[in-house]
Amino acid sequence: MKKLGKLHLSLFSAILISLLIGSTQSVSADHSLDGKGIFKDANSINLISTKDSKYQIHLQIEVRNSQGQLVSITESNNAKYIPREIMDYILDEEFDDKEIIMINKTKFEKIRYMEQSTAVQYSFRTSYTDMSSTWSMNFSANFPEHGIKVLPVFEVYAPHVNLAIDDKFTLYWTILRELN
């Protein structure tokens, strides 16, 4: 009877350890799903279009001069995102102001985020071939293989936005996540 108890304890321990190891989920673990991770290489992120995905992203860029006068408003929903569990983790953990809405009998979680900056402070890329601007919503994550990286969780491609050195701009992000 004592041997049977030790056997059960050993089996229970082995099963428990297997379950713990097998079910460990973290932000860094999802970067290697399906053999195609978050990272293309040391400096690039795998992003896919939000078209036909559970995400809809809208970005409005409001530019004002140093006197506060409106210079321009640019909008776009041409967006890309990281197609991994890290997306849901970030939306669940980093944003408190969420609203449930219905659009055409489909339930969405609506998240709004506003960011104010200047041309000097903001890190953005511009494509001169088609005169578009790339605007990104960035978050930091620590990956064992890559260290701490700033991830462009969402990227939106908008018509080119001209900024003078003393212009201020506000990014109004609206994120819709379809709920099942």
C-alpha atoms as a PDB file:
ATOM      1  CA  MET A   1       0.000   0.000   0.000  1.00  0.00           C
ATOM      2  CA  LYS A   2       2.852   2.359   0.813  1.00  0.00           C
ATOM      3  CA  LYS A   3       4.521   1.586  -2.554  1.00  0.00           C
ATOM      4  CA  LEU A   4       1.248   2.316  -4.357  1.00  0.00           C
ATOM      5  CA  GLY A   5       1.024   5.692  -2.575  1.00  0.00           C
ATOM      6  CA  LYS A   6       4.542   6.621  -3.684  1.00  0.00           C
ATOM      7  CA  LEU A   7       3.697   5.527  -7.226  1.00  0.00           C
ATOM      8  CA  HIS A   8       0.590   7.719  -7.234  1.00  0.00           C
ATOM      9  CA  LEU A   9       2.572  10.634  -5.820  1.00  0.00           C
ATOM     10  CA  SER A  10       5.265  10.175  -8.476  1.00  0.00           C
ATOM     11  CA  LEU A  11       2.692   9.956 -11.280  1.00  0.00           C
ATOM     12  CA  PHE A  12       0.804  12.952  -9.910  1.00  0.00           C
ATOM     13  CA  SER A  13       4.030  14.965  -9.700  1.00  0.00           C
ATOM     14  CA  ALA A  14       5.038  13.995 -13.241  1.00  0.00           C
ATOM     15  CA  ILE A  15       1.597  14.909 -14.606  1.00  0.00           C
ATOM     16  CA  LEU A  16       1.554  18.200 -12.706  1.00  0.00           C
ATOM     17  CA  ILE A  17       5.015  19.156 -13.951  1.00  0.00           C
ATOM     18  CA  SER A  18       4.046  18.227 -17.525  1.00  0.00           C
ATOM     19  CA  LEU A  19       0.902  20.334 -17.283  1.00  0.00           C
ATOM     20  CA  LEU A  20       2.771  23.299 -15.861  1.00  0.00           C
ATOM     21  CA  ILE A  21       5.502  23.148 -18.485  1.00  0.00           C
ATOM     22  CA  GLY A  22       3.092  22.473 -21.343  1.00  0.00           C
ATOM     23  CA  SER A  23       0.611  25.171 -20.436  1.00  0.00           C
ATOM     24  CA  THR A  24       3.023  27.996 -19.719  1.00  0.00           C
ATOM     25  CA  GLN A  25       1.907  30.900 -21.835  1.00  0.00           C
ATOM     26  CA  SER A  26       3.659  34.194 -21.941  1.00  0.00           C
ATOM     27  CA  VAL A  27       4.067  37.071 -24.298  1.00  0.00           C
ATOM     28  CA  SER A  28       7.474  35.817 -25.322  1.00  0.00           C
ATOM     29  CA  ALA A  29       6.279  32.248 -25.869  1.00  0.00           C
ATOM     30  CA  ASP A  30       3.849  33.260 -28.587  1.00  0.00           C
ATOM     31  CA  HIS A  31       6.602  34.760 -30.692  1.00  0.00           C
ATOM     32  CA  SER A  32       7.489  31.353 -32.106  1.00  0.00           C
ATOM     33  CA  LEU A  33       4.037  29.973 -32.974  1.00  0.00           C
ATOM     34  CA  ASP A  34       3.569  28.216 -36.316  1.00  0.00           C
ATOM     35  CA  GLY A  35       7.280  28.501 -37.101  1.00  0.00           C
ATOM     36  CA  LYS A  36       6.683  32.151 -38.023  1.00  0.00           C
ATOM     37  CA  GLY A  37       7.346  34.381 -35.076  1.00  0.00           C
ATOM     38  CA  ILE A  38       6.735  37.996 -34.224  1.00  0.00           C
ATOM     39  CA  PHE A  39      10.185  38.858 -35.541  1.00  0.00           C
ATOM     40  CA  LYS A  40      11.195  38.580 -39.214  1.00  0.00           C
ATOM     41  CA  ASP A  41      14.779  39.241 -38.192  1.00  0.00           C
ATOM     42  CA  ALA A  42      16.642  41.142 -35.486  1.00  0.00           C
ATOM     43  CA  ASN A  43      15.091  44.480 -36.483  1.00  0.00           C
ATOM     44  CA  SER A  44      11.807  43.712 -38.272  1.00  0.00           C
ATOM     45  CA  ILE A  45       8.371  42.619 -37.078  1.00  0.00           C
ATOM     46  CA  ASN A  46       5.922  40.347 -38.950  1.00  0.00           C
ATOM     47  CA  LEU A  47       2.771  42.388 -39.513  1.00  0.00           C
ATOM     48  CA  ILE A  48      -0.356  41.548 -41.509  1.00  0.00           C
ATOM     49  CA  SER A  49      -3.241  43.630 -42.809  1.00  0.00           C
ATOM     50  CA  THR A  50      -6.307  44.161 -40.640  1.00  0.00           C
ATOM     51  CA  LYS A  51      -8.449  43.482 -43.715  1.00  0.00           C
ATOM     52  CA  ASP A  52     -10.694  40.464 -43.010  1.00  0.00           C
ATOM     53  CA  SER A  53      -9.339  40.185 -39.457  1.00  0.00           C
ATOM     54  CA  LYS A  54     -11.040  40.634 -36.092  1.00  0.00           C
ATOM     55  CA  TYR A  55      -9.443  44.092 -35.806  1.00  0.00           C
ATOM     56  CA  GLN A  56     -10.474  47.369 -37.387  1.00  0.00           C
ATOM     57  CA  ILE A  57      -8.139  50.296 -36.813  1.00  0.00           C
ATOM     58  CA  HIS A  58      -8.900  53.935 -37.513  1.00  0.00           C
ATOM     59  CA  LEU A  59      -6.351  56.703 -37.031  1.00  0.00           C
ATOM     60  CA  GLN A  60      -7.045  60.425 -37.176  1.00  0.00           C
ATOM     61  CA  ILE A  61      -4.019  62.737 -37.224  1.00  0.00           C
ATOM     62  CA  GLU A  62      -4.731  66.329 -36.194  1.00  0.00           C
ATOM     63  CA  VAL A  63      -1.923  68.837 -36.805  1.00  0.00           C
ATOM     64  CA  ARG A  64      -1.828  72.286 -35.180  1.00  0.00           C
ATOM     65  CA  ASN A  65       0.792  75.003 -35.493  1.00  0.00           C
ATOM     66  CA  SER A  66       2.592  76.595 -32.536  1.00  0.00           C
ATOM     67  CA  GLN A  67      -0.281  79.107 -32.146  1.00  0.00           C
ATOM     68  CA  GLY A  68      -2.813  76.261 -31.843  1.00  0.00           C
ATOM     69  CA  GLN A  69      -4.399  76.858 -35.250  1.00  0.00           C
ATOM     70  CA  LEU A  70      -5.588  73.802 -37.161  1.00  0.00           C
ATOM     71  CA  VAL A  71      -3.215  72.940 -40.017  1.00  0.00           C
ATOM     72  CA  SER A  72      -4.627  69.608 -41.211  1.00  0.00           C
ATOM     73  CA  ILE A  73      -6.585  66.487 -40.382  1.00  0.00           C
ATOM     74  CA  THR A  74      -5.665  63.198 -42.009  1.00  0.00           C
ATOM     75  CA  GLU A  75      -7.445  59.877 -41.523  1.00  0.00           C
ATOM     76  CA  SER A  76      -6.703  56.303 -42.456  1.00  0.00           C
ATOM     77  CA  ASN A  77      -7.810  52.756 -41.740  1.00  0.00           C
ATOM     78  CA  ASN A  78      -5.079  51.125 -43.851  1.00  0.00           C
ATOM     79  CA  ALA A  79      -3.529  49.222 -40.950  1.00  0.00           C
ATOM     80  CA  LYS A  80      -1.402  46.228 -40.035  1.00  0.00           C
ATOM     81  CA  TYR A  81      -0.966  44.370 -36.762  1.00  0.00           C
ATOM     82  CA  ILE A  82       1.007  41.549 -35.143  1.00  0.00           C
ATOM     83  CA  PRO A  83      -1.070  38.375 -35.739  1.00  0.00           C
ATOM     84  CA  ARG A  84      -0.270  36.796 -32.380  1.00  0.00           C
ATOM     85  CA  GLU A  85      -1.744  36.368 -28.917  1.00  0.00           C
ATOM     86  CA  ILE A  86       0.365  39.309 -27.805  1.00  0.00           C
ATOM     87  CA  MET A  87      -2.255  41.556 -29.460  1.00  0.00           C
ATOM     88  CA  ASP A  88      -5.062  40.390 -27.205  1.00  0.00           C
ATOM     89  CA  TYR A  89      -2.751  40.507 -24.197  1.00  0.00           C
ATOM     90  CA  ILE A  90      -1.840  44.143 -24.877  1.00  0.00           C
ATOM     91  CA  LEU A  91      -5.434  45.181 -25.546  1.00  0.00           C
ATOM     92  CA  ASP A  92      -6.624  43.387 -22.404  1.00  0.00           C
ATOM     93  CA  GLU A  93      -3.872  44.615 -20.090  1.00  0.00           C
ATOM     94  CA  GLU A  94      -2.889  48.078 -21.332  1.00  0.00           C
ATOM     95  CA  PHE A  95      -6.247  49.724 -22.030  1.00  0.00           C
ATOM     96  CA  ASP A  96      -8.832  50.359 -19.341  1.00  0.00           C
ATOM     97  CA  ASP A  97     -11.298  52.492 -21.283  1.00  0.00           C
ATOM     98  CA  LYS A  98     -13.251  49.925 -23.307  1.00  0.00           C
ATOM     99  CA  GLU A  99     -16.788  49.970 -24.597  1.00  0.00           C
ATOM    100  CA  ILE A 100     -18.898  47.168 -26.083  1.00  0.00           C
ATOM    101  CA  ILE A 101     -20.777  48.226 -29.225  1.00  0.00           C
ATOM    102  CA  MET A 102     -22.890  46.518 -31.889  1.00  0.00           C
ATOM    103  CA  ILE A 103     -22.382  47.166 -35.597  1.00  0.00           C
ATOM    104  CA  ASN A 104     -24.593  45.256 -38.058  1.00  0.00           C
ATOM    105  CA  LYS A 105     -25.433  42.647 -35.389  1.00  0.00           C
ATOM    106  CA  THR A 106     -21.738  42.068 -34.671  1.00  0.00           C
ATOM    107  CA  LYS A 107     -20.375  42.751 -31.199  1.00  0.00           C
ATOM    108  CA  PHE A 108     -17.133  44.730 -30.945  1.00  0.00           C
ATOM    109  CA  GLU A 109     -14.958  45.957 -28.152  1.00  0.00           C
ATOM    110  CA  LYS A 110     -14.110  49.600 -28.844  1.00  0.00           C
ATOM    111  CA  ILE A 111     -10.877  51.047 -27.511  1.00  0.00           C
ATOM    112  CA  ARG A 112      -9.848  54.666 -27.888  1.00  0.00           C
ATOM    113  CA  TYR A 113      -6.366  55.990 -27.356  1.00  0.00           C
ATOM    114  CA  MET A 114      -5.013  59.505 -27.782  1.00  0.00           C
ATOM    115  CA  GLU A 115      -1.370  60.482 -28.110  1.00  0.00           C
ATOM    116  CA  GLN A 116       0.009  64.017 -28.408  1.00  0.00           C
ATOM    117  CA  SER A 117       3.464  64.755 -29.727  1.00  0.00           C
ATOM    118  CA  THR A 118       5.679  67.000 -31.835  1.00  0.00           C
ATOM    119  CA  ALA A 119       7.727  66.285 -34.933  1.00  0.00           C
ATOM    120  CA  VAL A 120      10.887  66.302 -32.818  1.00  0.00           C
ATOM    121  CA  GLN A 121       9.554  63.848 -30.187  1.00  0.00           C
ATOM    122  CA  TYR A 122       7.776  61.292 -32.372  1.00  0.00           C
ATOM    123  CA  SER A 123       9.622  58.455 -34.061  1.00  0.00           C
ATOM    124  CA  PHE A 124       7.993  57.796 -37.426  1.00  0.00           C
ATOM    125  CA  ARG A 125       8.988  56.517 -40.829  1.00  0.00           C
ATOM    126  CA  THR A 126       8.145  58.067 -44.172  1.00  0.00           C
ATOM    127  CA  SER A 127       8.087  56.318 -47.513  1.00  0.00           C
ATOM    128  CA  TYR A 128       9.194  58.800 -50.141  1.00  0.00           C
ATOM    129  CA  THR A 129       8.284  56.513 -53.044  1.00  0.00           C
ATOM    130  CA  ASP A 130       4.557  56.913 -52.514  1.00  0.00           C
ATOM    131  CA  MET A 131       4.591  59.857 -50.087  1.00  0.00           C
ATOM    132  CA  SER A 132       2.845  58.055 -47.285  1.00  0.00           C
ATOM    133  CA  SER A 133       3.503  58.202 -43.584  1.00  0.00           C
ATOM    134  CA  THR A 134       3.682  55.221 -41.271  1.00  0.00           C
ATOM    135  CA  TRP A 135       2.265  55.828 -37.812  1.00  0.00           C
ATOM    136  CA  SER A 136       2.584  53.182 -35.140  1.00  0.00           C
ATOM    137  CA  MET A 137       1.301  52.411 -31.686  1.00  0.00           C
ATOM    138  CA  ASN A 138       4.288  50.999 -29.825  1.00  0.00           C
ATOM    139  CA  PHE A 139       4.671  48.848 -26.717  1.00  0.00           C
ATOM    140  CA  SER A 140       7.738  47.405 -25.038  1.00  0.00           C
ATOM    141  CA  ALA A 141       8.148  43.697 -24.329  1.00  0.00           C
ATOM    142  CA  ASN A 142      11.027  41.595 -23.039  1.00  0.00           C
ATOM    143  CA  PHE A 143      11.868  38.577 -25.189  1.00  0.00           C
ATOM    144  CA  PRO A 144      14.469  36.064 -23.977  1.00  0.00           C
ATOM    145  CA  GLU A 145      15.905  35.698 -27.480  1.00  0.00           C
ATOM    146  CA  HIS A 146      15.807  39.400 -28.395  1.00  0.00           C
ATOM    147  CA  GLY A 147      15.878  41.347 -25.117  1.00  0.00           C
ATOM    148  CA  ILE A 148      13.657  44.360 -24.580  1.00  0.00           C
ATOM    149  CA  LYS A 149      12.099  45.437 -27.868  1.00  0.00           C
ATOM    150  CA  VAL A 150       9.696  48.201 -28.765  1.00  0.00           C
ATOM    151  CA  LEU A 151       6.991  46.599 -30.893  1.00  0.00           C
ATOM    152  CA  PRO A 152       4.850  48.473 -33.395  1.00  0.00           C
ATOM    153  CA  VAL A 153       1.694  46.659 -32.325  1.00  0.00           C
ATOM    154  CA  PHE A 154      -0.349  48.547 -34.911  1.00  0.00           C
ATOM    155  CA  GLU A 155       0.910  50.411 -37.951  1.00  0.00           C
ATOM    156  CA  VAL A 156      -1.297  52.686 -40.004  1.00  0.00           C
ATOM    157  CA  TYR A 157      -0.332  53.951 -43.438  1.00  0.00           C
ATOM    158  CA  ALA A 158      -1.724  57.413 -44.102  1.00  0.00           C
ATOM    159  CA  PRO A 159      -1.293  60.028 -46.801  1.00  0.00           C
ATOM    160  CA  HIS A 160       1.814  62.066 -46.184  1.00  0.00           C
ATOM    161  CA  VAL A 161       1.491  64.529 -43.307  1.00  0.00           C
ATOM    162  CA  ASN A 162       3.605  67.679 -43.548  1.00  0.00           C
ATOM    163  CA  LEU A 163       4.947  68.819 -40.193  1.00  0.00           C
ATOM    164  CA  ALA A 164       6.822  72.004 -39.399  1.00  0.00           C
ATOM    165  CA  ILE A 165       9.412  71.716 -36.652  1.00  0.00           C
ATOM    166  CA  ASP A 166       7.159  73.472 -34.107  1.00  0.00           C
ATOM    167  CA  ASP A 167       3.872  71.787 -35.115  1.00  0.00           C
ATOM    168  CA  LYS A 168       2.035  69.688 -32.579  1.00  0.00           C
ATOM    169  CA  PHE A 169      -0.065  66.732 -33.564  1.00  0.00           C
ATOM    170  CA  THR A 170      -2.581  64.498 -31.873  1.00  0.00           C
ATOM    171  CA  LEU A 171      -3.141  60.880 -32.856  1.00  0.00           C
ATOM    172  CA  TYR A 172      -6.660  59.624 -32.191  1.00  0.00           C
ATOM    173  CA  TRP A 173      -6.651  55.826 -32.372  1.00  0.00           C
ATOM    174  CA  THR A 174      -9.904  53.853 -32.496  1.00  0.00           C
ATOM    175  CA  ILE A 175      -9.517  50.092 -32.288  1.00  0.00           C
ATOM    176  CA  LEU A 176     -12.422  47.720 -32.826  1.00  0.00           C
ATOM    177  CA  ARG A 177     -11.898  44.110 -31.821  1.00  0.00           C
ATOM    178  CA  GLU A 178     -14.600  41.692 -32.916  1.00  0.00           C
ATOM    179  CA  LEU A 179     -15.884  39.587 -30.036  1.00  0.00           C
ATOM    180  CA  ASN A 180     -17.029  35.998 -30.516  1.00  0.00           C
END
